[in-house]
Protein backbone atom coordinates (compact mmCIF):
# COMPACT_ATOMS: atom_id res chain seq x y z
CA MET A 1 97.25 57.65 42.88
CA ALA A 2 94.13 55.54 45.03
CA SER A 3 95.00 53.53 47.70
CA ARG A 4 94.98 49.91 48.00
CA GLN A 5 91.89 50.03 49.64
CA GLN A 6 90.04 52.28 47.47
CA ILE A 7 91.53 49.75 44.30
CA LYS A 8 90.02 47.01 46.06
CA ARG A 9 86.32 48.28 46.28
CA ARG A 10 86.87 49.40 43.32
CA ILE A 11 87.58 45.39 42.04
CA ARG A 12 84.89 44.00 44.06
CA SER A 13 82.15 46.86 42.64
CA VAL A 14 83.45 45.92 38.80
CA SER A 15 82.86 42.25 39.60
CA SER A 16 79.73 42.27 41.36
CA THR A 17 78.72 44.37 38.20
CA ARG A 18 80.43 41.45 35.57
CA GLN A 19 78.63 38.64 37.35
CA ILE A 20 75.13 40.62 36.53
CA THR A 21 75.75 41.59 33.50
CA LYS A 22 76.87 37.59 32.37
CA ALA A 23 74.08 36.17 33.75
CA MET A 24 71.37 39.29 32.05
CA GLN A 25 74.01 37.53 28.66
CA LEU A 26 73.10 34.64 29.72
CA VAL A 27 69.59 34.98 30.22
CA ALA A 28 69.12 37.60 27.02
CA ALA A 29 70.96 34.54 25.07
CA SER A 30 68.36 32.25 25.98
CA LYS A 31 65.10 34.16 25.41
CA LEU A 32 66.53 34.90 21.79
CA ARG A 33 66.80 31.85 20.99
CA ARG A 34 62.71 31.17 21.38
CA ALA A 35 61.93 34.83 20.47
CA GLN A 36 64.10 34.11 17.29
CA GLU A 37 61.72 30.82 16.36
CA ALA A 38 58.94 32.58 16.64
CA ALA A 39 59.55 35.80 15.00
CA VAL A 40 61.41 33.99 11.55
CA GLY A 41 58.53 31.47 11.68
CA PRO A 42 55.75 33.13 10.64
CA GLN A 43 57.81 35.81 8.67
CA GLU A 44 56.64 34.03 5.17
CA TYR A 45 52.99 33.91 6.13
CA SER A 46 53.15 37.41 7.45
CA ARG A 47 54.17 38.13 3.59
CA VAL A 48 51.60 36.22 2.18
CA ALA A 49 48.69 37.75 3.81
CA ARG A 50 50.51 41.23 2.76
CA LEU A 51 50.41 40.10 -1.00
CA MET A 52 46.69 38.45 -0.34
CA LEU A 53 45.83 41.98 0.93
CA THR A 54 47.68 44.10 -1.99
CA ARG A 55 45.81 41.67 -4.28
CA LEU A 56 42.63 42.21 -2.83
CA ARG A 57 42.71 45.48 -3.10
CA GLN A 58 43.85 45.07 -6.62
CA LEU A 59 40.47 42.94 -7.38
CA ALA A 60 38.28 46.01 -5.36
CA SER A 61 36.66 48.38 -7.59
CA THR A 62 38.27 52.08 -7.78
CA GLU A 63 35.77 53.09 -4.86
CA PRO A 64 35.73 50.44 -2.91
CA THR A 65 32.59 49.98 -0.37
CA PHE A 66 34.80 48.33 1.88
CA GLN A 67 36.09 51.16 4.04
CA LEU A 68 39.06 49.67 5.33
CA PHE A 69 40.92 49.91 1.28
CA LYS A 70 39.53 53.10 1.03
CA GLN A 71 42.83 55.92 0.14
CA ARG A 72 42.03 59.70 0.88
CA PRO A 73 44.66 62.38 1.64
CA VAL A 74 46.09 62.18 4.96
CA LYS A 75 45.02 64.67 7.28
CA ARG A 76 44.70 62.52 10.54
CA ARG A 77 47.22 59.88 11.46
CA MET A 78 47.60 57.31 14.25
CA LEU A 79 51.15 55.58 15.04
CA ILE A 80 51.69 52.49 16.88
CA ALA A 81 55.18 52.65 18.23
CA ILE A 82 56.29 49.14 20.08
CA THR A 83 59.10 49.56 22.77
CA SER A 84 59.78 47.07 25.62
CA ASP A 85 58.61 47.42 29.62
CA ARG A 86 62.08 47.51 30.52
CA THR A 87 65.70 49.23 29.93
CA LEU A 88 69.24 48.08 29.49
CA ALA A 89 68.55 47.09 26.20
CA GLY A 90 71.22 48.82 24.29
CA ALA A 91 69.91 51.52 21.35
CA TYR A 92 66.53 49.45 21.29
CA ASN A 93 64.05 51.85 22.49
CA VAL A 94 65.94 54.46 21.71
CA ASN A 95 66.37 53.89 18.17
CA VAL A 96 62.53 53.11 17.81
CA VAL A 97 61.68 56.62 20.01
CA ARG A 98 63.97 58.50 17.36
CA ARG A 99 61.94 57.38 14.45
CA LEU A 100 58.56 58.37 16.27
CA VAL A 101 60.03 61.74 16.60
CA THR A 102 61.35 61.99 12.93
CA GLU A 103 57.73 60.58 12.09
CA LEU A 104 55.86 63.10 14.56
CA GLN A 105 57.95 66.03 12.92
CA HIS A 106 57.50 65.36 9.36
CA ASP A 107 53.77 65.01 10.11
CA ARG A 108 53.71 68.69 11.76
CA GLN A 109 55.66 70.28 8.78
CA ALA A 110 52.97 68.20 6.55
CA ASN A 111 49.63 69.54 8.81
CA ILE A 112 48.80 66.31 9.48
CA GLU A 113 47.33 65.65 13.01
CA THR A 114 49.10 62.72 14.67
CA GLU A 115 48.13 60.45 17.20
CA VAL A 116 49.81 58.01 18.77
CA ILE A 117 49.26 54.34 20.46
CA THR A 118 52.25 53.07 22.83
CA ILE A 119 52.83 49.65 23.36
CA GLY A 120 55.83 49.33 26.14
CA ARG A 121 56.80 51.28 29.28
CA GLN A 122 59.21 52.99 27.03
CA ALA A 123 57.56 54.33 24.43
CA ALA A 124 54.37 55.36 27.03
CA ASN A 125 57.44 57.58 29.02
CA ALA A 126 58.91 58.91 25.83
CA VAL A 127 55.86 60.36 24.30
CA THR A 128 54.39 62.21 27.76
CA ARG A 129 57.57 64.39 27.07
CA ILE A 130 56.78 65.49 23.71
CA GLN A 131 54.05 68.66 24.05
CA GLY A 132 50.91 68.86 22.23
CA LEU A 133 50.87 65.25 21.06
CA VAL A 134 47.98 63.15 21.39
CA ILE A 135 47.92 60.26 22.70
CA ALA A 136 45.29 57.55 22.14
CA GLY A 137 46.38 54.61 24.14
CA ALA A 138 49.24 53.20 26.19
CA TYR A 139 49.71 49.34 27.01
CA THR A 140 52.54 48.08 29.09
CA GLY A 141 53.09 43.88 30.14
CA PHE A 142 52.38 42.42 27.08
CA PRO A 143 53.48 38.84 27.27
CA GLU A 144 56.37 37.75 24.60
CA ARG A 145 54.45 35.56 23.11
CA PRO A 146 51.18 37.23 22.62
CA GLU A 147 47.89 36.14 21.49
CA ALA A 148 44.80 37.42 19.64
CA LYS A 149 43.10 39.06 22.57
CA ASP A 150 46.03 41.13 23.66
CA PHE A 151 46.55 43.57 20.63
CA ARG A 152 42.89 42.59 19.07
CA PRO A 153 41.67 45.92 21.25
CA ILE A 154 44.11 48.18 19.76
CA LEU A 155 42.89 46.85 15.98
CA ALA A 156 39.52 47.23 16.94
CA SER A 157 40.10 50.71 17.78
CA VAL A 158 42.06 51.80 14.76
CA VAL A 159 39.45 50.32 12.13
CA GLU A 160 36.62 51.63 13.75
CA ARG A 161 38.25 54.66 13.18
CA PHE A 162 39.38 54.55 10.37
CA SER A 163 36.21 53.01 9.08
CA GLN A 164 34.04 56.31 10.49
CA GLY A 165 36.93 58.18 8.66
CA GLU A 166 38.42 59.86 11.91
CA LEU A 167 41.80 58.64 10.68
CA ASP A 168 43.19 58.23 7.20
CA ASP A 169 46.33 56.33 7.86
CA VAL A 170 47.38 54.10 10.37
CA SER A 171 50.95 52.85 10.61
CA ILE A 172 53.23 50.44 13.09
CA VAL A 173 56.82 51.65 14.38
CA PHE A 174 58.71 48.76 15.31
CA THR A 175 61.84 46.87 15.21
CA HIS A 176 62.28 44.60 12.05
CA PHE A 177 64.42 41.40 12.96
CA ALA A 178 66.75 40.73 10.16
CA SER A 179 68.95 38.57 12.12
CA THR A 180 71.02 38.57 15.49
CA ILE A 181 73.23 41.24 14.86
CA ARG A 182 71.16 43.13 12.50
CA GLN A 183 67.82 44.81 13.82
CA GLU A 184 66.07 48.20 11.76
CA VAL A 185 63.20 50.08 12.80
CA GLN A 186 60.62 50.42 10.33
CA VAL A 187 57.24 51.90 9.70
CA ARG A 188 54.79 49.46 8.20
CA GLN A 189 51.35 50.58 7.40
CA LEU A 190 48.41 49.34 8.37
CA LEU A 191 45.48 50.82 6.60
CA PRO A 192 44.33 51.47 4.41
CA ALA A 193 44.52 47.90 3.78
CA GLY A 194 46.39 46.66 0.70
CA PHE A 195 50.13 47.41 0.04
CA GLU A 196 51.45 48.81 -3.28
CA GLU A 197 54.96 48.56 -2.28
CA GLU A 198 54.47 44.73 -2.13
CA PRO A 199 54.91 42.91 -5.63
CA VAL A 200 52.00 40.16 -6.12
CA ASP A 201 53.44 37.10 -7.48
CA ASN A 202 51.66 35.16 -10.34
CA ASP A 203 50.29 32.57 -8.15
CA ILE A 204 48.42 34.90 -6.39
CA MET A 205 47.11 36.79 -9.09
CA HIS A 206 45.79 34.09 -11.03
CA ALA A 207 44.22 32.49 -7.64
CA THR A 208 40.56 31.88 -8.07
CA ILE A 209 38.37 33.96 -5.17
CA GLU A 210 35.38 32.08 -3.80
CA PRO A 211 32.72 33.13 -3.25
CA SER A 212 33.27 36.65 -4.08
CA VAL A 213 35.80 39.46 -3.61
CA ASP A 214 33.31 41.37 -1.40
CA ALA A 215 32.46 38.29 0.72
CA LEU A 216 36.11 37.84 1.51
CA LEU A 217 36.90 41.22 2.59
CA GLU A 218 34.78 41.19 4.90
CA SER A 219 35.65 37.82 6.49
CA THR A 220 39.21 37.93 5.82
CA THR A 221 40.68 41.31 5.93
CA ILE A 222 40.63 41.75 9.85
CA ARG A 223 42.43 38.71 10.20
CA LEU A 224 45.12 39.46 8.35
CA LEU A 225 45.39 42.87 9.64
CA GLU A 226 45.90 40.98 12.84
CA VAL A 227 48.76 38.76 11.34
CA GLN A 228 50.77 42.04 10.58
CA ILE A 229 50.44 43.36 14.35
CA TYR A 230 51.35 39.90 15.56
CA GLN A 231 54.29 39.99 13.34
CA ALA A 232 55.73 42.95 14.53
CA LEU A 233 55.44 42.16 18.01
CA LEU A 234 57.21 39.29 17.66
CA GLU A 235 60.24 40.59 15.74
CA SER A 236 60.17 43.48 18.41
CA THR A 237 60.64 40.66 21.06
CA ALA A 238 63.43 39.16 19.37
CA SER A 239 65.24 42.58 18.55
CA GLU A 240 64.63 43.48 22.40
CA HIS A 241 66.75 39.84 23.34
CA SER A 242 69.19 40.29 20.55
CA MET A 243 69.91 43.71 21.57
CA ARG A 244 70.08 43.68 24.95
CA MET A 245 72.16 40.24 24.88
CA ILE A 246 75.00 42.01 22.82
CA ALA A 247 74.75 45.34 25.62
CA MET A 248 75.15 42.77 28.14
CA LYS A 249 78.07 41.17 26.18
CA ASN A 250 79.60 44.52 25.48
CA ALA A 251 79.16 45.69 29.26
CA THR A 252 80.59 42.49 30.84
CA ASP A 253 83.79 42.93 28.07
CA ASN A 254 84.45 46.11 29.78
CA ALA A 255 84.50 44.80 32.85
CA ASN A 256 87.04 42.76 32.41
CA ASP A 257 88.97 45.02 30.71
CA LEU A 258 88.45 47.47 34.12
CA LEU A 259 89.20 44.28 35.99
CA VAL A 260 92.73 44.38 34.40
CA ASP A 261 93.54 47.92 34.24
CA TYR A 262 92.62 47.66 38.66
CA LYS A 263 94.76 44.96 39.15
CA LEU A 264 97.69 46.36 37.55
CA GLU A 265 97.18 49.40 39.45
CA LEU A 266 96.49 47.22 42.15
CA ASN A 267 100.24 45.43 41.94
CA ASN A 268 101.97 48.77 41.22
CA ALA A 269 100.35 50.48 44.34
CA ARG A 270 101.26 46.95 46.55
CA GLN A 271 105.01 47.25 45.04
CA ALA A 272 105.35 51.00 45.70
CA ALA A 273 104.07 50.12 49.14
CA ILE A 274 106.83 47.32 49.50
CA THR A 275 109.43 49.83 48.00
CA GLN A 276 109.06 52.61 50.39
CA GLU A 277 108.79 49.65 53.31
CA LEU A 278 112.63 48.96 52.09
CA ALA A 279 113.96 52.37 51.64
CA GLU A 280 112.25 53.13 55.25
CA ILE A 281 114.29 50.21 56.74
CA THR A 282 117.43 50.80 54.79
CA GLY A 283 117.38 54.25 56.06
CA GLY A 284 116.73 53.23 59.39
CA ALA A 285 119.57 50.91 59.47
CA GLU A 286 122.37 53.49 58.23
CA ALA A 287 121.09 56.32 60.63
CA MET A 288 121.65 53.45 63.50
CA ASN A 289 124.97 53.32 61.95
């Protein structure tokens, strides 16, 4: 059994840790409210943007002159992985990296050359340990509420390479924010633009396009693609704060359980010491008699 001094030191250590995790939980909860509002608000706009891209793709000819809609056999692929710069967010970063590794394994089995662009320090640290992987770019220090100027260089780079035929597919690996208690890592296609999995509703199907499909493609597609990256960044931030809040709450609860156990152990040790002292006093009195 540990001594009382050792148990007291453990109690002080766990108490200090509990104060830190409790403070981090409250901070994460405060940031989550703002991040959730930012992520959930534009979700419908992002969905409609995907529907518009799908409809524009349907209206384009079978061999569209606009390069961003061209479908090619996938031989070269770009993955954009979004994680956080910080740790202590539960399985948030691990889940994204695990899904990224799974995609890389599938691509290698299919003889697809894959490159990666990372957003967040944790993804950048992870991909450097993958042998033979081409890292096209690494971005850190993104704000929680990014602006177009923050991610526009990424989009401009992949759009240019896709238009020149250097890439056949561009996808985003990010954490979809479904609710405070449910987040899911998804792989969402960015290029070629237009999404077969998106059913087009009647309003968009019968919408009148002016002045022409080609003119709208040129002026609108890049903006709609920006929406997809922006939404992925917002949902990733909300997921990070949600998982960090839950992780810190679990850590605080574990610290409380440890404190209960240590205090019980301290009381037992104190009682044992008192019992031993009483036995010594009684034994000494009997020896004197």
